[in-house]
Amino acid sequence: MNIPVIRTDNDPQFISNKFANTFKFLGIKYERIPVKTSNMNTHIESFHSILKKKCYGINEFSSFMEVYDIVTNYTKYYNRRKRHESLNFITSNQYYEAATSNSMNAKSFVA
């Protein structure tokens, strides 16, 4: 059986014992990348950079619910409608569907 793994950097919100113990309780493996090795978490670091530039950086929020709505909408756009050059100009969802159904040639996506 594959145990899910959550990997984070070492930002303050991720280093508490309560945070780690929650994953232990849920049966999820939790990993923190070594300090100053953001390259070990490149996909999410890249997404956070895009989210900051295209979402946080251009909005002023007045409530948590407003943040939640705007970030949720941007994430839906990013996954469902935005065509990614690195995925041969298909959406993230299209790539996921093709990859999980084995209906694509993975070599065509190797840089």
PDB file of N, CA and C in Angstrom:
ATOM      1  N   MET A   1       0.831  -1.189   0.000  1.00  0.00           N
ATOM      2  CA  MET A   1       0.000   0.000   0.000  1.00  0.00           C
ATOM      3  C   MET A   1       0.872   1.248   0.000  1.00  0.00           C
ATOM      4  N   ASN A   2       0.556   2.190  -0.876  1.00  0.00           N
ATOM      5  CA  ASN A   2       1.296   3.445  -0.919  1.00  0.00           C
ATOM      6  C   ASN A   2       0.771   4.399   0.141  1.00  0.00           C
ATOM      7  N   ILE A   3       1.662   4.904   0.950  1.00  0.00           N
ATOM      8  CA  ILE A   3       1.299   5.878   1.969  1.00  0.00           C
ATOM      9  C   ILE A   3       1.477   7.264   1.355  1.00  0.00           C
ATOM     10  N   PRO A   4       0.449   8.127   1.438  1.00  0.00           N
ATOM     11  CA  PRO A   4       0.604   9.480   0.904  1.00  0.00           C
ATOM     12  C   PRO A   4       1.733  10.214   1.609  1.00  0.00           C
ATOM     13  N   VAL A   5       2.427  11.065   0.870  1.00  0.00           N
ATOM     14  CA  VAL A   5       3.519  11.854   1.430  1.00  0.00           C
ATOM     15  C   VAL A   5       3.237  13.330   1.169  1.00  0.00           C
ATOM     16  N   ILE A   6       3.333  14.128   2.200  1.00  0.00           N
ATOM     17  CA  ILE A   6       3.233  15.584   2.087  1.00  0.00           C
ATOM     18  C   ILE A   6       4.628  16.132   2.356  1.00  0.00           C
ATOM     19  N   ARG A   7       5.126  16.965   1.437  1.00  0.00           N
ATOM     20  CA  ARG A   7       6.455  17.559   1.596  1.00  0.00           C
ATOM     21  C   ARG A   7       6.298  19.068   1.638  1.00  0.00           C
ATOM     22  N   THR A   8       6.923  19.701   2.620  1.00  0.00           N
ATOM     23  CA  THR A   8       6.875  21.161   2.731  1.00  0.00           C
ATOM     24  C   THR A   8       8.279  21.698   2.921  1.00  0.00           C
ATOM     25  N   ASP A   9       8.362  23.012   2.842  1.00  0.00           N
ATOM     26  CA  ASP A   9       9.613  23.658   3.201  1.00  0.00           C
ATOM     27  C   ASP A   9       9.603  23.881   4.713  1.00  0.00           C
ATOM     28  N   ASN A  10      10.435  24.767   5.190  1.00  0.00           N
ATOM     29  CA  ASN A  10      10.575  24.954   6.638  1.00  0.00           C
ATOM     30  C   ASN A  10       9.993  26.280   7.126  1.00  0.00           C
ATOM     31  N   ASP A  11       8.995  26.763   6.415  1.00  0.00           N
ATOM     32  CA  ASP A  11       8.336  27.986   6.868  1.00  0.00           C
ATOM     33  C   ASP A  11       7.700  27.743   8.228  1.00  0.00           C
ATOM     34  N   PRO A  12       7.516  28.803   9.004  1.00  0.00           N
ATOM     35  CA  PRO A  12       7.038  28.650  10.385  1.00  0.00           C
ATOM     36  C   PRO A  12       5.750  27.851  10.530  1.00  0.00           C
ATOM     37  N   GLN A  13       4.839  27.970   9.575  1.00  0.00           N
ATOM     38  CA  GLN A  13       3.563  27.270   9.705  1.00  0.00           C
ATOM     39  C   GLN A  13       3.708  25.758   9.585  1.00  0.00           C
ATOM     40  N   PHE A  14       4.857  25.281   9.124  1.00  0.00           N
ATOM     41  CA  PHE A  14       5.044  23.846   8.918  1.00  0.00           C
ATOM     42  C   PHE A  14       5.924  23.154   9.955  1.00  0.00           C
ATOM     43  N   ILE A  15       6.480  23.878  10.904  1.00  0.00           N
ATOM     44  CA  ILE A  15       7.461  23.255  11.793  1.00  0.00           C
ATOM     45  C   ILE A  15       6.959  22.948  13.195  1.00  0.00           C
ATOM     46  N   SER A  16       5.681  23.176  13.441  1.00  0.00           N
ATOM     47  CA  SER A  16       5.184  22.901  14.790  1.00  0.00           C
ATOM     48  C   SER A  16       4.964  21.406  14.996  1.00  0.00           C
ATOM     49  N   ASN A  17       5.069  20.986  16.241  1.00  0.00           N
ATOM     50  CA  ASN A  17       4.802  19.581  16.575  1.00  0.00           C
ATOM     51  C   ASN A  17       3.359  19.210  16.278  1.00  0.00           C
ATOM     52  N   LYS A  18       2.444  20.136  16.539  1.00  0.00           N
ATOM     53  CA  LYS A  18       1.019  19.854  16.293  1.00  0.00           C
ATOM     54  C   LYS A  18       0.778  19.560  14.808  1.00  0.00           C
ATOM     55  N   PHE A  19       1.415  20.312  13.941  1.00  0.00           N
ATOM     56  CA  PHE A  19       1.282  20.102  12.490  1.00  0.00           C
ATOM     57  C   PHE A  19       1.769  18.695  12.127  1.00  0.00           C
ATOM     58  N   ALA A  20       2.967  18.353  12.571  1.00  0.00           N
ATOM     59  CA  ALA A  20       3.534  17.032  12.269  1.00  0.00           C
ATOM     60  C   ALA A  20       2.712  15.906  12.887  1.00  0.00           C
ATOM     61  N   ASN A  21       2.258  16.089  14.123  1.00  0.00           N
ATOM     62  CA  ASN A  21       1.465  15.054  14.793  1.00  0.00           C
ATOM     63  C   ASN A  21       0.114  14.816  14.115  1.00  0.00           C
ATOM     64  N   THR A  22      -0.427  15.857  13.497  1.00  0.00           N
ATOM     65  CA  THR A  22      -1.691  15.691  12.772  1.00  0.00           C
ATOM     66  C   THR A  22      -1.512  14.709  11.615  1.00  0.00           C
ATOM     67  N   PHE A  23      -0.413  14.851  10.878  1.00  0.00           N
ATOM     68  CA  PHE A  23      -0.149  13.918   9.778  1.00  0.00           C
ATOM     69  C   PHE A  23       0.065  12.502  10.295  1.00  0.00           C
ATOM     70  N   LYS A  24       0.763  12.385  11.407  1.00  0.00           N
ATOM     71  CA  LYS A  24       0.988  11.067  12.012  1.00  0.00           C
ATOM     72  C   LYS A  24      -0.347  10.432  12.377  1.00  0.00           C
ATOM     73  N   PHE A  25      -1.214  11.205  12.991  1.00  0.00           N
ATOM     74  CA  PHE A  25      -2.539  10.722  13.373  1.00  0.00           C
ATOM     75  C   PHE A  25      -3.340  10.271  12.146  1.00  0.00           C
ATOM     76  N   LEU A  26      -3.214  10.997  11.042  1.00  0.00           N
ATOM     77  CA  LEU A  26      -3.965  10.693   9.823  1.00  0.00           C
ATOM     78  C   LEU A  26      -3.320   9.582   8.981  1.00  0.00           C
ATOM     79  N   GLY A  27      -2.125   9.144   9.374  1.00  0.00           N
ATOM     80  CA  GLY A  27      -1.441   8.093   8.628  1.00  0.00           C
ATOM     81  C   GLY A  27      -0.815   8.588   7.344  1.00  0.00           C
ATOM     82  N   ILE A  28      -0.443   9.858   7.326  1.00  0.00           N
ATOM     83  CA  ILE A  28       0.188  10.462   6.155  1.00  0.00           C
ATOM     84  C   ILE A  28       1.645  10.742   6.487  1.00  0.00           C
ATOM     85  N   LYS A  29       2.542  10.324   5.618  1.00  0.00           N
ATOM     86  CA  LYS A  29       3.961  10.586   5.832  1.00  0.00           C
ATOM     87  C   LYS A  29       4.226  12.067   5.575  1.00  0.00           C
ATOM     88  N   TYR A  30       4.972  12.683   6.457  1.00  0.00           N
ATOM     89  CA  TYR A  30       5.277  14.094   6.354  1.00  0.00           C
ATOM     90  C   TYR A  30       6.783  14.286   6.265  1.00  0.00           C
ATOM     91  N   GLU A  31       7.211  15.065   5.274  1.00  0.00           N
ATOM     92  CA  GLU A  31       8.640  15.359   5.090  1.00  0.00           C
ATOM     93  C   GLU A  31       8.840  16.865   5.014  1.00  0.00           C
ATOM     94  N   ARG A  32       9.919  17.329   5.603  1.00  0.00           N
ATOM     95  CA  ARG A  32      10.352  18.707   5.392  1.00  0.00           C
ATOM     96  C   ARG A  32      11.637  18.651   4.596  1.00  0.00           C
ATOM     97  N   ILE A  33      11.742  19.523   3.615  1.00  0.00           N
ATOM     98  CA  ILE A  33      12.976  19.554   2.841  1.00  0.00           C
ATOM     99  C   ILE A  33      14.057  20.220   3.683  1.00  0.00           C
ATOM    100  N   PRO A  34      15.323  19.890   3.431  1.00  0.00           N
ATOM    101  CA  PRO A  34      16.403  20.554   4.174  1.00  0.00           C
ATOM    102  C   PRO A  34      16.382  22.063   3.934  1.00  0.00           C
ATOM    103  N   VAL A  35      16.850  22.808   4.906  1.00  0.00           N
ATOM    104  CA  VAL A  35      16.913  24.265   4.816  1.00  0.00           C
ATOM    105  C   VAL A  35      17.724  24.665   3.577  1.00  0.00           C
ATOM    106  N   LYS A  36      17.230  25.693   2.887  1.00  0.00           N
ATOM    107  CA  LYS A  36      17.877  26.276   1.696  1.00  0.00           C
ATOM    108  C   LYS A  36      17.992  25.287   0.539  1.00  0.00           C
ATOM    109  N   THR A  37      16.985  24.423   0.393  1.00  0.00           N
ATOM    110  CA  THR A  37      16.976  23.485  -0.733  1.00  0.00           C
ATOM    111  C   THR A  37      15.618  23.526  -1.438  1.00  0.00           C
ATOM    112  N   SER A  38      15.191  24.719  -1.784  1.00  0.00           N
ATOM    113  CA  SER A  38      13.887  24.852  -2.432  1.00  0.00           C
ATOM    114  C   SER A  38      13.821  24.068  -3.735  1.00  0.00           C
ATOM    115  N   ASN A  39      14.971  23.741  -4.302  1.00  0.00           N
ATOM    116  CA  ASN A  39      14.996  22.935  -5.529  1.00  0.00           C
ATOM    117  C   ASN A  39      14.435  21.534  -5.296  1.00  0.00           C
ATOM    118  N   MET A  40      14.312  21.104  -4.042  1.00  0.00           N
ATOM    119  CA  MET A  40      13.734  19.791  -3.750  1.00  0.00           C
ATOM    120  C   MET A  40      12.206  19.838  -3.757  1.00  0.00           C
ATOM    121  N   ASN A  41      11.670  21.010  -3.903  1.00  0.00           N
ATOM    122  CA  ASN A  41      10.222  21.195  -3.873  1.00  0.00           C
ATOM    123  C   ASN A  41       9.820  22.112  -5.033  1.00  0.00           C
ATOM    124  N   THR A  42      10.442  21.913  -6.188  1.00  0.00           N
ATOM    125  CA  THR A  42      10.348  22.883  -7.276  1.00  0.00           C
ATOM    126  C   THR A  42       8.940  23.115  -7.792  1.00  0.00           C
ATOM    127  N   HIS A  43       8.138  22.068  -7.895  1.00  0.00           N
ATOM    128  CA  HIS A  43       6.807  22.256  -8.473  1.00  0.00           C
ATOM    129  C   HIS A  43       5.951  23.194  -7.630  1.00  0.00           C
ATOM    130  N   ILE A  44       5.917  22.974  -6.343  1.00  0.00           N
ATOM    131  CA  ILE A  44       5.080  23.831  -5.505  1.00  0.00           C
ATOM    132  C   ILE A  44       5.716  25.203  -5.321  1.00  0.00           C
ATOM    133  N   GLU A  45       7.042  25.274  -5.272  1.00  0.00           N
ATOM    134  CA  GLU A  45       7.705  26.577  -5.176  1.00  0.00           C
ATOM    135  C   GLU A  45       7.376  27.412  -6.408  1.00  0.00           C
ATOM    136  N   SER A  46       7.376  26.784  -7.566  1.00  0.00           N
ATOM    137  CA  SER A  46       7.033  27.480  -8.805  1.00  0.00           C
ATOM    138  C   SER A  46       5.588  27.953  -8.769  1.00  0.00           C
ATOM    139  N   PHE A  47       4.692  27.073  -8.337  1.00  0.00           N
ATOM    140  CA  PHE A  47       3.286  27.465  -8.270  1.00  0.00           C
ATOM    141  C   PHE A  47       3.085  28.606  -7.282  1.00  0.00           C
ATOM    142  N   HIS A  48       3.737  28.554  -6.134  1.00  0.00           N
ATOM    143  CA  HIS A  48       3.596  29.639  -5.158  1.00  0.00           C
ATOM    144  C   HIS A  48       4.099  30.960  -5.727  1.00  0.00           C
ATOM    145  N   SER A  49       5.164  30.905  -6.505  1.00  0.00           N
ATOM    146  CA  SER A  49       5.685  32.110  -7.144  1.00  0.00           C
ATOM    147  C   SER A  49       4.665  32.684  -8.120  1.00  0.00           C
ATOM    148  N   ILE A  50       4.048  31.814  -8.918  1.00  0.00           N
ATOM    149  CA  ILE A  50       3.019  32.252  -9.866  1.00  0.00           C
ATOM    150  C   ILE A  50       1.812  32.800  -9.113  1.00  0.00           C
ATOM    151  N   LEU A  51       1.387  32.092  -8.062  1.00  0.00           N
ATOM    152  CA  LEU A  51       0.236  32.531  -7.274  1.00  0.00           C
ATOM    153  C   LEU A  51       0.493  33.905  -6.664  1.00  0.00           C
ATOM    154  N   LYS A  52       1.692  34.121  -6.182  1.00  0.00           N
ATOM    155  CA  LYS A  52       2.047  35.413  -5.591  1.00  0.00           C
ATOM    156  C   LYS A  52       1.998  36.515  -6.649  1.00  0.00           C
ATOM    157  N   LYS A  53       2.573  36.244  -7.815  1.00  0.00           N
ATOM    158  CA  LYS A  53       2.655  37.245  -8.873  1.00  0.00           C
ATOM    159  C   LYS A  53       1.288  37.520  -9.511  1.00  0.00           C
ATOM    160  N   LYS A  54       0.518  36.486  -9.770  1.00  0.00           N
ATOM    161  CA  LYS A  54      -0.731  36.633 -10.529  1.00  0.00           C
ATOM    162  C   LYS A  54      -1.971  36.773  -9.660  1.00  0.00           C
ATOM    163  N   CYS A  55      -1.848  36.522  -8.371  1.00  0.00           N
ATOM    164  CA  CYS A  55      -3.034  36.554  -7.518  1.00  0.00           C
ATOM    165  C   CYS A  55      -2.836  37.463  -6.303  1.00  0.00           C
ATOM    166  N   TYR A  56      -1.927  37.102  -5.413  1.00  0.00           N
ATOM    167  CA  TYR A  56      -1.718  37.905  -4.206  1.00  0.00           C
ATOM    168  C   TYR A  56      -1.241  39.312  -4.529  1.00  0.00           C
ATOM    169  N   GLY A  57      -0.327  39.392  -5.483  1.00  0.00           N
ATOM    170  CA  GLY A  57       0.320  40.671  -5.781  1.00  0.00           C
ATOM    171  C   GLY A  57      -0.569  41.684  -6.471  1.00  0.00           C
ATOM    172  N   ILE A  58      -1.710  41.263  -7.005  1.00  0.00           N
ATOM    173  CA  ILE A  58      -2.565  42.197  -7.730  1.00  0.00           C
ATOM    174  C   ILE A  58      -3.917  42.420  -7.044  1.00  0.00           C
ATOM    175  N   ASN A  59      -4.076  41.879  -5.866  1.00  0.00           N
ATOM    176  CA  ASN A  59      -5.337  42.019  -5.139  1.00  0.00           C
ATOM    177  C   ASN A  59      -5.086  42.563  -3.736  1.00  0.00           C
ATOM    178  N   GLU A  60      -6.054  43.312  -3.252  1.00  0.00           N
ATOM    179  CA  GLU A  60      -6.076  43.701  -1.845  1.00  0.00           C
ATOM    180  C   GLU A  60      -7.269  42.999  -1.221  1.00  0.00           C
ATOM    181  N   PHE A  61      -7.027  42.313  -0.139  1.00  0.00           N
ATOM    182  CA  PHE A  61      -8.068  41.496   0.479  1.00  0.00           C
ATOM    183  C   PHE A  61      -8.590  42.170   1.735  1.00  0.00           C
ATOM    184  N   SER A  62      -9.885  42.032   1.954  1.00  0.00           N
ATOM    185  CA  SER A  62     -10.465  42.632   3.159  1.00  0.00           C
ATOM    186  C   SER A  62     -10.988  41.583   4.132  1.00  0.00           C
ATOM    187  N   SER A  63     -10.935  40.299   3.729  1.00  0.00           N
ATOM    188  CA  SER A  63     -11.389  39.250   4.640  1.00  0.00           C
ATOM    189  C   SER A  63     -10.782  37.910   4.215  1.00  0.00           C
ATOM    190  N   PHE A  64     -10.805  36.971   5.144  1.00  0.00           N
ATOM    191  CA  PHE A  64     -10.315  35.628   4.819  1.00  0.00           C
ATOM    192  C   PHE A  64     -11.154  35.007   3.707  1.00  0.00           C
ATOM    193  N   MET A  65     -12.468  35.202   3.757  1.00  0.00           N
ATOM    194  CA  MET A  65     -13.337  34.613   2.738  1.00  0.00           C
ATOM    195  C   MET A  65     -13.040  35.182   1.354  1.00  0.00           C
ATOM    196  N   GLU A  66     -12.673  36.432   1.296  1.00  0.00           N
ATOM    197  CA  GLU A  66     -12.310  37.030   0.008  1.00  0.00           C
ATOM    198  C   GLU A  66     -11.028  36.385  -0.521  1.00  0.00           C
ATOM    199  N   VAL A  67     -10.055  36.190   0.349  1.00  0.00           N
ATOM    200  CA  VAL A  67      -8.821  35.506  -0.047  1.00  0.00           C
ATOM    201  C   VAL A  67      -9.154  34.099  -0.543  1.00  0.00           C
ATOM    202  N   TYR A  68      -9.951  33.392   0.228  1.00  0.00           N
ATOM    203  CA  TYR A  68     -10.328  32.022  -0.122  1.00  0.00           C
ATOM    204  C   TYR A  68     -10.988  31.979  -1.498  1.00  0.00           C
ATOM    205  N   ASP A  69     -11.940  32.858  -1.743  1.00  0.00           N
ATOM    206  CA  ASP A  69     -12.642  32.878  -3.024  1.00  0.00           C
ATOM    207  C   ASP A  69     -11.715  33.199  -4.189  1.00  0.00           C
ATOM    208  N   ILE A  70     -10.886  34.204  -4.035  1.00  0.00           N
ATOM    209  CA  ILE A  70     -10.004  34.624  -5.121  1.00  0.00           C
ATOM    210  C   ILE A  70      -8.953  33.563  -5.409  1.00  0.00           C
ATOM    211  N   VAL A  71      -8.348  33.008  -4.368  1.00  0.00           N
ATOM    212  CA  VAL A  71      -7.337  31.968  -4.574  1.00  0.00           C
ATOM    213  C   VAL A  71      -7.974  30.705  -5.158  1.00  0.00           C
ATOM    214  N   THR A  72      -9.148  30.340  -4.689  1.00  0.00           N
ATOM    215  CA  THR A  72      -9.843  29.179  -5.239  1.00  0.00           C
ATOM    216  C   THR A  72     -10.145  29.377  -6.720  1.00  0.00           C
ATOM    217  N   ASN A  73     -10.642  30.545  -7.074  1.00  0.00           N
ATOM    218  CA  ASN A  73     -10.945  30.823  -8.481  1.00  0.00           C
ATOM    219  C   ASN A  73      -9.695  30.817  -9.339  1.00  0.00           C
ATOM    220  N   TYR A  74      -8.597  31.389  -8.823  1.00  0.00           N
ATOM    221  CA  TYR A  74      -7.363  31.384  -9.605  1.00  0.00           C
ATOM    222  C   TYR A  74      -6.842  29.955  -9.775  1.00  0.00           C
ATOM    223  N   THR A  75      -6.906  29.154  -8.734  1.00  0.00           N
ATOM    224  CA  THR A  75      -6.446  27.764  -8.813  1.00  0.00           C
ATOM    225  C   THR A  75      -7.278  26.981  -9.830  1.00  0.00           C
ATOM    226  N   LYS A  76      -8.578  27.196  -9.841  1.00  0.00           N
ATOM    227  CA  LYS A  76      -9.434  26.547 -10.840  1.00  0.00           C
ATOM    228  C   LYS A  76      -9.028  26.970 -12.247  1.00  0.00           C
ATOM    229  N   TYR A  77      -8.813  28.268 -12.445  1.00  0.00           N
ATOM    230  CA  TYR A  77      -8.355  28.761 -13.746  1.00  0.00           C
ATOM    231  C   TYR A  77      -7.032  28.097 -14.128  1.00  0.00           C
ATOM    232  N   TYR A  78      -6.071  28.088 -13.201  1.00  0.00           N
ATOM    233  CA  TYR A  78      -4.734  27.554 -13.464  1.00  0.00           C
ATOM    234  C   TYR A  78      -4.787  26.084 -13.874  1.00  0.00           C
ATOM    235  N   ASN A  79      -5.653  25.307 -13.238  1.00  0.00           N
ATOM    236  CA  ASN A  79      -5.731  23.878 -13.526  1.00  0.00           C
ATOM    237  C   ASN A  79      -6.659  23.524 -14.681  1.00  0.00           C
ATOM    238  N   ARG A  80      -7.726  24.286 -14.849  1.00  0.00           N
ATOM    239  CA  ARG A  80      -8.758  23.894 -15.815  1.00  0.00           C
ATOM    240  C   ARG A  80      -8.716  24.633 -17.144  1.00  0.00           C
ATOM    241  N   ARG A  81      -8.215  25.889 -17.142  1.00  0.00           N
ATOM    242  CA  ARG A  81      -8.286  26.671 -18.376  1.00  0.00           C
ATOM    243  C   ARG A  81      -6.941  27.134 -18.906  1.00  0.00           C
ATOM    244  N   LYS A  82      -5.972  27.349 -18.034  1.00  0.00           N
ATOM    245  CA  LYS A  82      -4.669  27.861 -18.476  1.00  0.00           C
ATOM    246  C   LYS A  82      -3.900  26.766 -19.201  1.00  0.00           C
ATOM    247  N   ARG A  83      -3.489  27.072 -20.412  1.00  0.00           N
ATOM    248  CA  ARG A  83      -2.684  26.127 -21.193  1.00  0.00           C
ATOM    249  C   ARG A  83      -1.214  26.374 -20.864  1.00  0.00           C
ATOM    250  N   HIS A  84      -0.519  25.310 -20.502  1.00  0.00           N
ATOM    251  CA  HIS A  84       0.860  25.418 -20.034  1.00  0.00           C
ATOM    252  C   HIS A  84       1.826  25.026 -21.146  1.00  0.00           C
ATOM    253  N   GLU A  85       2.756  25.904 -21.413  1.00  0.00           N
ATOM    254  CA  GLU A  85       3.754  25.623 -22.455  1.00  0.00           C
ATOM    255  C   GLU A  85       4.519  24.342 -22.151  1.00  0.00           C
ATOM    256  N   SER A  86       4.852  24.134 -20.877  1.00  0.00           N
ATOM    257  CA  SER A  86       5.622  22.944 -20.489  1.00  0.00           C
ATOM    258  C   SER A  86       4.834  21.650 -20.673  1.00  0.00           C
ATOM    259  N   LEU A  87       3.515  21.756 -20.867  1.00  0.00           N
ATOM    260  CA  LEU A  87       2.671  20.581 -21.094  1.00  0.00           C
ATOM    261  C   LEU A  87       2.187  20.536 -22.546  1.00  0.00           C
ATOM    262  N   ASN A  88       2.972  21.117 -23.427  1.00  0.00           N
ATOM    263  CA  ASN A  88       2.599  21.173 -24.845  1.00  0.00           C
ATOM    264  C   ASN A  88       1.252  21.848 -25.055  1.00  0.00           C
ATOM    265  N   PHE A  89       1.036  22.909 -24.289  1.00  0.00           N
ATOM    266  CA  PHE A  89      -0.133  23.779 -24.430  1.00  0.00           C
ATOM    267  C   PHE A  89      -1.469  23.086 -24.176  1.00  0.00           C
ATOM    268  N   ILE A  90      -1.477  22.207 -23.173  1.00  0.00           N
ATOM    269  CA  ILE A  90      -2.739  21.672 -22.674  1.00  0.00           C
ATOM    270  C   ILE A  90      -2.870  22.111 -21.214  1.00  0.00           C
ATOM    271  N   THR A  91      -4.055  21.953 -20.656  1.00  0.00           N
ATOM    272  CA  THR A  91      -4.256  22.361 -19.269  1.00  0.00           C
ATOM    273  C   THR A  91      -3.704  21.294 -18.321  1.00  0.00           C
ATOM    274  N   SER A  92      -3.516  21.664 -17.068  1.00  0.00           N
ATOM    275  CA  SER A  92      -3.051  20.708 -16.060  1.00  0.00           C
ATOM    276  C   SER A  92      -4.034  19.556 -15.918  1.00  0.00           C
ATOM    277  N   ASN A  93      -5.319  19.852 -15.921  1.00  0.00           N
ATOM    278  CA  ASN A  93      -6.324  18.794 -15.805  1.00  0.00           C
ATOM    279  C   ASN A  93      -6.284  17.844 -16.998  1.00  0.00           C
ATOM    280  N   GLN A  94      -6.108  18.377 -18.214  1.00  0.00           N
ATOM    281  CA  GLN A  94      -6.010  17.515 -19.387  1.00  0.00           C
ATOM    282  C   GLN A  94      -4.794  16.599 -19.280  1.00  0.00           C
ATOM    283  N   TYR A  95      -3.681  17.154 -18.808  1.00  0.00           N
ATOM    284  CA  TYR A  95      -2.476  16.349 -18.643  1.00  0.00           C
ATOM    285  C   TYR A  95      -2.714  15.244 -17.617  1.00  0.00           C
ATOM    286  N   TYR A  96      -3.310  15.602 -16.478  1.00  0.00           N
ATOM    287  CA  TYR A  96      -3.581  14.621 -15.428  1.00  0.00           C
ATOM    288  C   TYR A  96      -4.487  13.505 -15.945  1.00  0.00           C
ATOM    289  N   GLU A  97      -5.553  13.880 -16.625  1.00  0.00           N
ATOM    290  CA  GLU A  97      -6.479  12.881 -17.157  1.00  0.00           C
ATOM    291  C   GLU A  97      -5.784  11.947 -18.141  1.00  0.00           C
ATOM    292  N   ALA A  98      -4.959  12.507 -19.021  1.00  0.00           N
ATOM    293  CA  ALA A  98      -4.244  11.683 -19.994  1.00  0.00           C
ATOM    294  C   ALA A  98      -3.227  10.784 -19.303  1.00  0.00           C
ATOM    295  N   ALA A  99      -2.523  11.323 -18.315  1.00  0.00           N
ATOM    296  CA  ALA A  99      -1.490  10.542 -17.626  1.00  0.00           C
ATOM    297  C   ALA A  99      -2.095   9.406 -16.815  1.00  0.00           C
ATOM    298  N   THR A 100      -3.220   9.658 -16.164  1.00  0.00           N
ATOM    299  CA  THR A 100      -3.809   8.617 -15.328  1.00  0.00           C
ATOM    300  C   THR A 100      -4.586   7.591 -16.129  1.00  0.00           C
ATOM    301  N   SER A 101      -4.927   7.916 -17.352  1.00  0.00           N
ATOM    302  CA  SER A 101      -5.634   6.942 -18.193  1.00  0.00           C
ATOM    303  C   SER A 101      -4.675   6.228 -19.140  1.00  0.00           C
ATOM    304  N   ASN A 102      -3.384   6.542 -19.020  1.00  0.00           N
ATOM    305  CA  ASN A 102      -2.349   5.956 -19.875  1.00  0.00           C
ATOM    306  C   ASN A 102      -2.614   6.192 -21.359  1.00  0.00           C
ATOM    307  N   SER A 103      -3.246   7.320 -21.682  1.00  0.00           N
ATOM    308  CA  SER A 103      -3.538   7.613 -23.080  1.00  0.00           C
ATOM    309  C   SER A 103      -2.579   8.631 -23.681  1.00  0.00           C
ATOM    310  N   MET A 104      -1.418   8.784 -23.063  1.00  0.00           N
ATOM    311  CA  MET A 104      -0.453   9.738 -23.598  1.00  0.00           C
ATOM    312  C   MET A 104       0.931   9.134 -23.628  1.00  0.00           C
ATOM    313  N   ASN A 105       1.765   9.703 -24.437  1.00  0.00           N
ATOM    314  CA  ASN A 105       3.149   9.301 -24.531  1.00  0.00           C
ATOM    315  C   ASN A 105       3.962  10.228 -23.621  1.00  0.00           C
ATOM    316  N   ALA A 106       4.400   9.730 -22.495  1.00  0.00           N
ATOM    317  CA  ALA A 106       5.111  10.558 -21.519  1.00  0.00           C
ATOM    318  C   ALA A 106       6.386  11.167 -22.100  1.00  0.00           C
ATOM    319  N   LYS A 107       7.007  10.492 -23.065  1.00  0.00           N
ATOM    320  CA  LYS A 107       8.254  11.011 -23.635  1.00  0.00           C
ATOM    321  C   LYS A 107       8.045  12.369 -24.312  1.00  0.00           C
ATOM    322  N   SER A 108       6.848  12.634 -24.783  1.00  0.00           N
ATOM    323  CA  SER A 108       6.607  13.913 -25.462  1.00  0.00           C
ATOM    324  C   SER A 108       6.627  15.082 -24.474  1.00  0.00           C
ATOM    325  N   PHE A 109       6.637  14.811 -23.168  1.00  0.00           N
ATOM    326  CA  PHE A 109       6.656  15.860 -22.151  1.00  0.00           C
ATOM    327  C   PHE A 109       7.995  15.968 -21.440  1.00  0.00           C
ATOM    328  N   VAL A 110       8.974  15.213 -21.868  1.00  0.00           N
ATOM    329  CA  VAL A 110      10.292  15.254 -21.231  1.00  0.00           C
ATOM    330  C   VAL A 110      11.111  16.358 -21.868  1.00  0.00           C
ATOM    331  N   ALA A 111      11.640  17.225 -21.008  1.00  0.00           N
ATOM    332  CA  ALA A 111      12.438  18.359 -21.515  1.00  0.00           C
ATOM    333  C   ALA A 111      13.805  17.894 -21.960  1.00  0.00           C
TER     334      ALA A 111
END
